[in-house]
Amino acid sequence: MDRVSVKQRFSIIGDHPQLNSAIDIALQVAPTDVTVLVNGENGTGKDVFSKIIHQFGKRKHQPFIAINCGAIPEGTIDSELFGHEKGAFTSAHEARKGYFEEVNSGTIFLDEIAEMPLATQSRLLRVLESGEFLRVGSSKVQRTDVRVITATNKNLLEAVAMGKFREDLYYRLNTVTIHVPALRDRTKDILLLFRYFASEFAHKYGRNPIRLDEAAKPLLLAYRWPGNVRELRNFTEQLTVLSPEEQVSAERIQATLPSNEIFLPVHVGSPAQNQSFETERELLYKILFDLKADVSELKKTVMHLMDGGQIPSEIPHGSLQVISPPPVKPQQPYQESVIRMDTPLLEESLSLERKEKDLIQKALLKYRNNRKKAAQELGISERTLYRKIKGYDLE
């Protein structure tokens, strides 16, 4: 089936390249039994991709079940997934099959896999490797044949580094990864989705679809949508129910959107007020280069003084100026002079560290602690960013 038909069947709205790529990958892996990890923020619709994979796979006529690992208490998740024997624990009045038995030959979708306890992760790894598991309270080996699809909104590599997720399980699950883009990364789809949801809720509540006036549209496009498509859908329903008129004004949009400043639309002001993050990074690089040039000029000046020359009134390259020549003692060793000149450079170095820490904080804030995107923005590797976060105590 082609991508357009899939969008129609599963009510996927939008034409962003990352969204199209995610659909294409899902269709490619569907006929196989390869393990798939769906990655994306909350509210992006990760569950839809698990359904696409199941419906276009060879197990489409077999059972499908979606399980939220974060919603099951740690003390009962083993029993839920793998079953238990009678008397295995206080409330186990009879034997019970787990999901891996119930869905044998079908597909299990494990959402929020990062929330799964380590002990349960070990059990899951055994199922993935050999198809074998034990019920809680039993020593009899059970077998199952299921396809496993997982999803997370967390960075599993970070969880591995912190000891919260098994490394071997991560590589077993990460055979194929599907990344579902956040809504703020596909702004051209926002108005399409709004019109779709407006039509849906108009039919539900028996009224004409609401529509945005021209001044209201930029507000929807500028808002960051931390809850993604789910938040936009709820927002559209709220407007449908509460708006007395079909046309929604900018004032009503402003009054209805959450007021948390982190997700407010960007204020349009002077260029100085709206300096981009990229410009700040460029400024830091310029400071580093200028400092290097100034230090080089300063060293030349020191050497010139020690040779008995006259100090210039200004160092031409950078902004560093010498107001008056420092006293030079003939008996003073060269090493001492170097140490004295290093003192202001140490202070400047500390200032640069503060700038770097500030830029890292802004990058993490901009991408809501998504370290992969923050590292890309900063132009460093994710491993380097993680080390700097630990060094600056930004956990």
Protein backbone atom coordinates (compact mmCIF):
# COMPACT_ATOMS: atom_id res chain seq x y z
CA MET A 1 0.00 0.00 0.00
CA ASP A 2 1.29 3.48 -0.81
CA ARG A 3 1.93 6.27 1.70
CA VAL A 4 -1.19 8.29 0.76
CA SER A 5 -3.47 5.30 1.40
CA VAL A 6 -1.80 4.70 4.76
CA LYS A 7 -2.39 8.32 5.79
CA GLN A 8 -6.06 8.05 4.85
CA ARG A 9 -6.53 4.73 6.65
CA PHE A 10 -4.85 5.83 9.88
CA SER A 11 -5.92 9.51 9.79
CA ILE A 12 -2.36 10.82 9.56
CA ILE A 13 -2.40 14.51 8.62
CA GLY A 14 0.67 16.26 7.22
CA ASP A 15 3.34 16.06 4.57
CA HIS A 16 6.56 16.80 6.45
CA PRO A 17 9.59 14.86 5.10
CA GLN A 18 10.37 13.32 8.52
CA LEU A 19 6.77 12.18 8.91
CA ASN A 20 6.78 10.68 5.41
CA SER A 21 10.07 8.95 6.13
CA ALA A 22 8.66 7.42 9.33
CA ILE A 23 5.69 6.02 7.39
CA ASP A 24 7.95 4.63 4.66
CA ILE A 25 10.17 2.86 7.20
CA ALA A 26 7.12 1.38 8.95
CA LEU A 27 5.87 -0.02 5.64
CA GLN A 28 9.30 -1.44 4.83
CA VAL A 29 9.72 -3.31 8.11
CA ALA A 30 6.08 -4.43 8.42
CA PRO A 31 6.44 -7.70 6.40
CA THR A 32 9.42 -8.76 8.53
CA ASP A 33 9.69 -9.78 12.17
CA VAL A 34 12.45 -7.31 12.96
CA THR A 35 12.20 -5.54 16.34
CA VAL A 36 11.31 -1.86 15.97
CA LEU A 37 11.89 1.05 18.36
CA VAL A 38 9.61 4.07 17.82
CA ASN A 39 11.12 7.25 19.23
CA GLY A 40 9.34 10.56 19.72
CA GLU A 41 7.91 13.00 22.24
CA ASN A 42 4.65 12.42 24.07
CA GLY A 43 1.62 13.18 21.93
CA THR A 44 3.30 12.65 18.55
CA GLY A 45 1.32 9.49 17.76
CA LYS A 46 3.92 6.76 18.24
CA ASP A 47 1.18 4.18 18.79
CA VAL A 48 -0.13 4.73 15.24
CA PHE A 49 3.14 3.41 13.80
CA SER A 50 2.86 0.21 15.82
CA LYS A 51 -0.58 -0.33 14.29
CA ILE A 52 0.74 0.33 10.78
CA ILE A 53 3.49 -2.25 11.26
CA HIS A 54 1.03 -4.84 12.61
CA GLN A 55 -1.66 -4.25 9.98
CA PHE A 56 0.74 -4.56 7.06
CA GLY A 57 2.69 -7.49 8.51
CA LYS A 58 2.21 -11.22 8.23
CA ARG A 59 0.66 -11.30 11.74
CA LYS A 60 -2.20 -8.92 10.87
CA HIS A 61 -4.84 -11.60 11.49
CA GLN A 62 -3.36 -12.43 14.89
CA PRO A 63 -3.86 -10.58 18.22
CA PHE A 64 -2.40 -7.11 18.82
CA ILE A 65 -2.07 -5.54 22.27
CA ALA A 66 -0.62 -2.20 23.40
CA ILE A 67 0.84 -1.97 26.90
CA ASN A 68 1.99 1.17 28.70
CA CYS A 69 4.93 0.04 30.82
CA GLY A 70 4.86 3.25 32.83
CA ALA A 71 1.26 2.66 33.92
CA ILE A 72 1.85 -0.79 35.48
CA PRO A 73 3.19 -0.87 39.07
CA GLU A 74 6.68 -2.33 39.38
CA GLY A 75 5.46 -5.09 41.69
CA THR A 76 2.93 -6.46 39.19
CA ILE A 77 4.49 -5.87 35.76
CA ASP A 78 6.17 -9.30 35.64
CA SER A 79 2.85 -10.97 36.38
CA GLU A 80 1.06 -8.84 33.77
CA LEU A 81 3.55 -9.62 31.04
CA PHE A 82 4.51 -13.23 31.81
CA GLY A 83 1.68 -14.54 34.01
CA HIS A 84 1.84 -16.23 37.40
CA GLU A 85 1.04 -19.50 39.14
CA LYS A 86 -1.54 -19.95 41.87
CA GLY A 87 -0.09 -18.93 45.22
CA ALA A 88 2.89 -17.11 43.67
CA PHE A 89 2.00 -14.10 45.86
CA THR A 90 -0.69 -13.12 48.33
CA SER A 91 -3.44 -12.20 45.86
CA ALA A 92 -2.63 -14.95 43.33
CA HIS A 93 -5.72 -17.08 44.00
CA GLU A 94 -5.45 -18.82 40.66
CA ALA A 95 -3.01 -19.23 37.79
CA ARG A 96 -3.10 -16.56 35.12
CA LYS A 97 -1.63 -16.19 31.65
CA GLY A 98 0.42 -13.11 30.87
CA TYR A 99 0.26 -10.97 27.74
CA PHE A 100 3.07 -12.89 26.05
CA GLU A 101 0.98 -16.06 26.29
CA GLU A 102 -2.31 -14.41 25.38
CA VAL A 103 -0.88 -12.75 22.27
CA ASN A 104 1.12 -15.77 21.09
CA SER A 105 1.73 -15.48 17.31
CA GLY A 106 0.60 -11.83 17.39
CA THR A 107 2.18 -8.44 18.16
CA ILE A 108 2.93 -6.70 21.46
CA PHE A 109 3.50 -2.96 21.56
CA LEU A 110 5.42 -1.91 24.68
CA ASP A 111 5.04 1.85 25.12
CA GLU A 112 7.27 3.82 27.52
CA ILE A 113 9.81 1.00 27.49
CA ALA A 114 12.30 3.18 29.40
CA GLU A 115 10.04 2.87 32.48
CA MET A 116 10.36 -0.92 32.59
CA PRO A 117 12.21 -2.14 35.74
CA LEU A 118 15.65 -3.69 35.25
CA ALA A 119 14.53 -7.13 36.45
CA THR A 120 11.70 -7.15 33.91
CA GLN A 121 14.13 -6.01 31.23
CA SER A 122 16.11 -9.20 31.82
CA ARG A 123 12.98 -11.30 31.31
CA LEU A 124 12.11 -9.38 28.14
CA LEU A 125 15.61 -9.88 26.74
CA ARG A 126 15.25 -13.65 27.21
CA VAL A 127 11.95 -13.62 25.33
CA LEU A 128 13.47 -11.65 22.48
CA GLU A 129 16.52 -13.92 22.26
CA SER A 130 14.92 -17.35 22.68
CA GLY A 131 11.15 -16.93 22.92
CA GLU A 132 11.27 -18.44 26.42
CA PHE A 133 9.99 -17.12 29.74
CA LEU A 134 8.86 -18.26 33.19
CA ARG A 135 5.61 -17.43 34.89
CA VAL A 136 6.02 -15.78 38.28
CA GLY A 137 6.25 -18.56 40.86
CA SER A 138 6.96 -21.29 38.30
CA SER A 139 10.08 -23.14 37.14
CA LYS A 140 8.45 -24.49 33.98
CA VAL A 141 9.76 -22.86 30.82
CA GLN A 142 7.03 -21.42 28.57
CA ARG A 143 7.48 -20.53 24.91
CA THR A 144 5.90 -17.81 22.83
CA ASP A 145 6.20 -16.41 19.32
CA VAL A 146 5.39 -12.71 19.29
CA ARG A 147 6.59 -9.66 17.44
CA VAL A 148 7.73 -6.90 19.80
CA ILE A 149 7.46 -3.20 18.95
CA THR A 150 8.61 -0.68 21.55
CA ALA A 151 8.35 3.08 21.97
CA THR A 152 9.89 5.73 24.18
CA ASN A 153 10.11 9.48 24.60
CA LYS A 154 13.41 9.14 26.46
CA ASN A 155 17.01 8.89 25.28
CA LEU A 156 17.75 5.23 25.95
CA LEU A 157 21.50 5.70 25.55
CA GLU A 158 21.43 8.16 28.44
CA ALA A 159 19.39 5.66 30.46
CA VAL A 160 22.04 3.02 29.68
CA ALA A 161 24.82 5.38 30.81
CA MET A 162 22.94 6.04 34.06
CA GLY A 163 22.41 2.33 34.73
CA LYS A 164 18.64 2.53 34.30
CA PHE A 165 18.41 0.50 31.11
CA ARG A 166 20.24 -2.65 30.04
CA GLU A 167 22.75 -2.05 27.26
CA ASP A 168 22.23 -5.49 25.71
CA LEU A 169 18.46 -4.94 25.64
CA TYR A 170 18.92 -1.51 24.05
CA TYR A 171 20.88 -2.96 21.13
CA ARG A 172 18.38 -5.80 20.80
CA LEU A 173 15.44 -3.39 20.58
CA ASN A 174 17.21 -0.84 18.41
CA THR A 175 17.39 -3.01 15.28
CA VAL A 176 15.29 -0.45 13.39
CA THR A 177 14.39 2.98 14.78
CA ILE A 178 11.49 5.11 13.60
CA HIS A 179 11.66 8.75 14.69
CA VAL A 180 8.33 10.58 14.86
CA PRO A 181 8.91 14.36 14.58
CA ALA A 182 7.54 16.82 17.10
CA LEU A 183 4.72 19.10 15.94
CA ARG A 184 6.86 22.24 16.34
CA ASP A 185 9.29 20.73 13.80
CA ARG A 186 6.56 20.49 11.16
CA THR A 187 4.80 23.84 11.49
CA LYS A 188 3.31 23.63 7.99
CA ASP A 189 1.10 20.79 9.24
CA ILE A 190 -0.34 22.72 12.20
CA LEU A 191 -3.10 24.54 10.29
CA LEU A 192 -3.98 21.34 8.38
CA LEU A 193 -4.38 19.48 11.65
CA PHE A 194 -6.41 22.32 13.16
CA ARG A 195 -8.88 22.23 10.26
CA TYR A 196 -9.11 18.44 10.47
CA PHE A 197 -9.82 18.48 14.22
CA ALA A 198 -12.24 21.40 13.83
CA SER A 199 -14.25 19.37 11.33
CA GLU A 200 -14.13 16.29 13.57
CA PHE A 201 -15.43 18.13 16.65
CA ALA A 202 -17.99 20.11 14.67
CA HIS A 203 -19.55 16.80 13.67
CA LYS A 204 -19.30 15.51 17.23
CA TYR A 205 -20.98 18.55 18.82
CA GLY A 206 -23.43 19.33 16.02
CA ARG A 207 -22.16 22.74 14.95
CA ASN A 208 -20.30 24.32 12.03
CA PRO A 209 -16.49 23.98 12.10
CA ILE A 210 -14.63 26.82 13.76
CA ARG A 211 -12.04 28.69 11.68
CA LEU A 212 -9.16 31.02 12.45
CA ASP A 213 -9.00 34.64 11.36
CA GLU A 214 -5.77 35.77 9.72
CA ALA A 215 -4.35 37.36 12.89
CA ALA A 216 -4.85 34.13 14.86
CA LYS A 217 -2.91 31.84 12.51
CA PRO A 218 0.60 33.14 13.34
CA LEU A 219 -0.07 32.54 17.05
CA LEU A 220 -0.76 28.86 16.43
CA LEU A 221 2.34 28.57 14.27
CA ALA A 222 4.60 30.31 16.82
CA TYR A 223 3.43 28.27 19.82
CA ARG A 224 5.80 25.39 20.68
CA TRP A 225 3.13 22.69 21.30
CA PRO A 226 4.93 20.73 24.03
CA GLY A 227 2.06 18.22 23.99
CA ASN A 228 2.32 17.89 20.20
CA VAL A 229 -0.64 16.60 18.15
CA ARG A 230 -2.49 15.46 21.28
CA GLU A 231 -2.35 18.97 22.72
CA LEU A 232 -3.49 20.57 19.45
CA ARG A 233 -6.43 18.16 19.27
CA ASN A 234 -7.52 18.97 22.84
CA PHE A 235 -7.01 22.68 22.18
CA THR A 236 -9.24 22.52 19.08
CA GLU A 237 -11.94 20.67 21.00
CA GLN A 238 -11.83 23.29 23.74
CA LEU A 239 -12.25 26.10 21.22
CA THR A 240 -15.10 24.25 19.48
CA VAL A 241 -17.00 23.92 22.74
CA LEU A 242 -16.30 27.38 24.18
CA SER A 243 -16.21 29.70 21.13
CA PRO A 244 -19.58 31.43 20.64
CA GLU A 245 -18.72 32.27 17.02
CA GLU A 246 -17.35 30.21 14.17
CA GLN A 247 -14.46 32.58 13.52
CA VAL A 248 -11.80 32.47 16.26
CA SER A 249 -9.92 35.70 16.94
CA ALA A 250 -6.29 36.18 17.94
CA GLU A 251 -7.46 37.46 21.33
CA ARG A 252 -9.29 34.21 22.05
CA ILE A 253 -6.27 32.18 20.96
CA GLN A 254 -4.04 34.18 23.33
CA ALA A 255 -6.52 33.74 26.17
CA THR A 256 -6.81 29.98 25.62
CA LEU A 257 -3.16 29.01 25.09
CA PRO A 258 -1.23 28.12 28.28
CA SER A 259 0.71 31.03 29.74
CA ASN A 260 3.92 29.15 30.62
CA GLU A 261 6.62 31.42 29.23
CA ILE A 262 8.76 28.53 28.05
CA PHE A 263 6.19 27.70 25.43
CA LEU A 264 4.87 31.15 24.65
CA PRO A 265 5.17 32.44 21.07
CA VAL A 266 8.42 34.31 20.46
CA HIS A 267 8.05 38.05 20.97
CA VAL A 268 8.92 40.04 17.87
CA GLY A 269 11.04 43.03 18.87
CA SER A 270 14.36 44.60 18.07
CA PRO A 271 17.18 42.52 16.55
CA ALA A 272 19.07 42.71 19.84
CA GLN A 273 16.09 41.28 21.71
CA ASN A 274 15.60 38.45 19.25
CA GLN A 275 19.21 37.37 18.86
CA SER A 276 19.14 33.73 17.78
CA PHE A 277 20.89 30.94 19.60
CA GLU A 278 23.12 30.38 16.58
CA THR A 279 24.27 34.01 16.76
CA GLU A 280 25.17 33.62 20.42
CA ARG A 281 27.30 30.61 19.58
CA GLU A 282 29.03 32.55 16.82
CA LEU A 283 29.72 35.36 19.28
CA LEU A 284 31.33 32.91 21.68
CA TYR A 285 33.58 31.63 18.93
CA LYS A 286 34.50 35.21 18.01
CA ILE A 287 35.37 35.92 21.66
CA LEU A 288 37.63 32.87 21.73
CA PHE A 289 39.42 33.85 18.53
CA ASP A 290 39.84 37.46 19.63
CA LEU A 291 41.14 36.33 23.03
CA LYS A 292 43.68 34.10 21.34
CA ALA A 293 44.84 37.00 19.18
CA ASP A 294 45.01 39.33 22.19
CA VAL A 295 47.10 36.81 24.15
CA SER A 296 49.47 36.49 21.22
CA GLU A 297 49.88 40.28 21.01
CA LEU A 298 50.33 40.45 24.78
CA LYS A 299 53.13 37.89 24.68
CA LYS A 300 54.88 39.90 21.96
CA THR A 301 54.59 43.03 24.12
CA VAL A 302 56.06 41.26 27.16
CA MET A 303 59.00 39.97 25.12
CA HIS A 304 59.53 43.44 23.66
CA LEU A 305 59.61 44.97 27.18
CA MET A 306 62.08 42.40 28.43
CA ASP A 307 64.36 43.26 25.52
CA GLY A 308 64.35 46.88 26.69
CA GLY A 309 61.87 48.24 24.18
CA GLN A 310 59.04 50.73 24.70
CA ILE A 311 55.50 49.48 25.29
CA PRO A 312 52.89 50.57 22.72
CA SER A 313 49.88 52.48 23.96
CA GLU A 314 47.47 50.05 22.31
CA ILE A 315 47.47 46.49 21.08
CA PRO A 316 45.95 46.83 17.60
CA HIS A 317 44.20 43.49 16.95
CA GLY A 318 41.78 43.03 19.80
CA SER A 319 40.13 45.11 22.46
CA LEU A 320 42.85 44.60 25.08
CA GLN A 321 44.62 47.90 25.94
CA VAL A 322 47.58 48.66 28.19
CA ILE A 323 46.89 51.83 30.16
CA SER A 324 50.38 52.26 31.60
CA PRO A 325 53.59 50.23 31.43
CA PRO A 326 54.10 47.99 34.45
CA PRO A 327 57.36 48.38 36.36
CA VAL A 328 60.04 46.00 35.13
CA LYS A 329 62.64 44.88 37.64
CA PRO A 330 65.93 43.80 36.01
CA GLN A 331 66.47 41.11 38.62
CA GLN A 332 62.96 39.65 38.18
CA PRO A 333 63.16 36.20 36.57
CA TYR A 334 61.26 35.62 33.31
CA GLN A 335 59.15 32.88 34.83
CA GLU A 336 57.73 35.24 37.45
CA SER A 337 56.67 37.70 34.78
CA VAL A 338 54.80 34.97 32.95
CA ILE A 339 53.01 33.94 36.13
CA ARG A 340 51.96 37.53 36.83
CA MET A 341 50.59 37.93 33.30
CA ASP A 342 48.61 34.67 33.59
CA THR A 343 46.35 35.97 36.38
CA PRO A 344 43.90 38.02 34.21
CA LEU A 345 43.90 35.23 31.61
CA LEU A 346 42.68 32.79 34.27
CA GLU A 347 39.78 35.13 35.09
CA GLU A 348 38.93 35.39 31.38
CA SER A 349 38.99 31.58 31.13
CA LEU A 350 36.53 31.30 33.98
CA SER A 351 34.31 33.82 32.23
CA LEU A 352 34.32 31.68 29.09
CA GLU A 353 33.33 28.64 31.15
CA ARG A 354 30.34 30.56 32.44
CA LYS A 355 29.41 31.47 28.86
CA GLU A 356 29.70 27.84 27.78
CA LYS A 357 27.56 26.68 30.73
CA ASP A 358 24.97 29.35 29.88
CA LEU A 359 24.84 28.24 26.22
CA ILE A 360 24.43 24.58 27.23
CA GLN A 361 21.56 25.52 29.57
CA LYS A 362 19.87 27.49 26.78
CA ALA A 363 20.24 24.61 24.33
CA LEU A 364 18.74 22.12 26.81
CA LEU A 365 15.89 24.53 27.54
CA LYS A 366 15.28 25.14 23.82
CA TYR A 367 14.95 21.41 23.10
CA ARG A 368 13.25 20.49 26.42
CA ASN A 369 16.27 18.42 27.62
CA ASN A 370 16.57 16.49 24.34
CA ARG A 371 20.33 16.08 24.51
CA LYS A 372 20.72 14.76 21.00
CA LYS A 373 19.20 17.90 19.47
CA ALA A 374 20.98 20.14 21.96
CA ALA A 375 24.33 18.60 21.03
CA GLN A 376 23.60 19.13 17.32
CA GLU A 377 22.71 22.76 18.02
CA LEU A 378 25.94 23.30 19.96
CA GLY A 379 28.04 21.57 17.31
CA ILE A 380 29.42 18.92 19.68
CA SER A 381 28.93 15.19 20.10
CA GLU A 382 26.26 13.84 22.44
CA ARG A 383 28.99 12.16 24.52
CA THR A 384 30.81 15.49 24.93
CA LEU A 385 27.57 17.23 25.92
CA TYR A 386 26.84 14.55 28.51
CA ARG A 387 30.34 14.98 29.98
CA LYS A 388 29.92 18.77 30.16
CA ILE A 389 26.48 18.41 31.79
CA LYS A 390 28.08 16.25 34.48
CA GLY A 391 31.02 18.66 34.82
CA TYR A 392 28.79 21.72 35.20
CA ASP A 393 26.36 19.81 37.48
CA LEU A 394 23.39 20.50 35.16
CA GLU A 395 21.61 17.20 35.82
